[in-house]
Structure formats: structure tokens, C-alpha cells
Amino acid sequence: MDRENSKIFSKTDKQKMLYEAKLEDVEFSAAEADQDDLEALDRSREADKRQLHEILKKE
């Protein structure tokens, strides 16, 4: 990592980067969700954790 251009990001900044990386415009209704939707939601959360880990690792 280049120390001259490095920046320490706050947790909020990291969450914003993760949110912007997703670029989702999908609506989710828990009332209408079926088992496949809930499984997809779990997979999405796990993917978010992995992505955040990659962002933190780059610092």
C-alpha cells in the first residue's frame, strides 16, 4: 500500500463504499418473500461481509 496516498476510512465511509459498490435498485418485501428469497438474502449478506473484508484488507 502506498503510504503517501493512504487514507484511514471510518466505518461509515466503508459502509458507503460497500453500498455504492452494490448499485441495487431492487425492492424487497418481507411479507411476500418465499424461501428462495430468504436464502438469496442470506447469501447477499454473506457476500457483503466478504466485500467489506476485501475493502478493509486493501487499507
Protein backbone atom coordinates (compact mmCIF):
# COMPACT_ATOMS: atom_id res chain seq x y z
CA MET A 1 0.00 0.00 0.00
CA ASP A 2 1.25 3.48 -0.86
CA ARG A 3 1.62 5.24 2.49
CA GLU A 4 1.72 8.74 0.94
CA ASN A 5 -1.74 8.34 -0.60
CA SER A 6 -3.28 6.14 2.08
CA LYS A 7 -6.34 7.23 3.98
CA ILE A 8 -7.92 5.76 7.06
CA PHE A 9 -11.61 5.29 6.38
CA SER A 10 -14.26 5.47 9.07
CA LYS A 11 -16.78 2.68 9.43
CA THR A 12 -19.36 4.98 7.84
CA ASP A 13 -17.09 5.59 4.84
CA LYS A 14 -16.58 1.85 4.45
CA GLN A 15 -20.32 1.20 4.61
CA LYS A 16 -20.91 3.91 1.97
CA MET A 17 -18.30 2.32 -0.30
CA LEU A 18 -19.99 -1.05 0.12
CA TYR A 19 -23.42 0.43 -0.57
CA GLU A 20 -22.18 2.24 -3.69
CA ALA A 21 -20.48 -0.92 -4.93
CA LYS A 22 -23.75 -2.84 -4.81
CA LEU A 23 -25.69 -0.40 -7.03
CA GLU A 24 -29.00 -2.11 -6.35
CA ASP A 25 -32.41 -0.75 -7.24
CA VAL A 26 -34.42 -3.79 -6.21
CA GLU A 27 -37.34 -3.58 -3.81
CA PHE A 28 -37.74 -6.31 -1.20
CA SER A 29 -40.96 -7.17 0.57
CA ALA A 30 -40.54 -9.45 3.58
CA ALA A 31 -44.28 -10.10 3.57
CA GLU A 32 -44.13 -11.53 0.04
CA ALA A 33 -40.77 -13.31 0.34
CA ASP A 34 -40.60 -17.04 -0.20
CA GLN A 35 -37.88 -19.46 0.92
CA ASP A 36 -35.76 -18.77 -2.18
CA ASP A 37 -35.91 -15.03 -1.48
CA LEU A 38 -34.81 -15.53 2.12
CA GLU A 39 -31.93 -17.77 1.04
CA ALA A 40 -30.87 -15.16 -1.51
CA LEU A 41 -30.99 -12.51 1.20
CA ASP A 42 -28.70 -14.62 3.41
CA ARG A 43 -26.27 -15.14 0.52
CA SER A 44 -26.31 -11.41 -0.16
CA ARG A 45 -25.47 -10.61 3.46
CA GLU A 46 -22.57 -13.08 3.40
CA ALA A 47 -21.31 -11.55 0.15
CA ASP A 48 -21.50 -8.08 1.73
CA LYS A 49 -19.34 -9.30 4.63
CA ARG A 50 -16.77 -10.71 2.20
CA GLN A 51 -16.77 -7.49 0.16
CA LEU A 52 -16.31 -5.35 3.28
CA HIS A 53 -13.46 -7.63 4.32
CA GLU A 54 -11.80 -7.02 0.91
CA ILE A 55 -12.22 -3.25 1.31
CA LEU A 56 -10.64 -3.38 4.78
CA LYS A 57 -7.83 -5.59 3.55
CA LYS A 58 -6.88 -3.03 0.87
CA GLU A 59 -6.23 -0.37 3.51
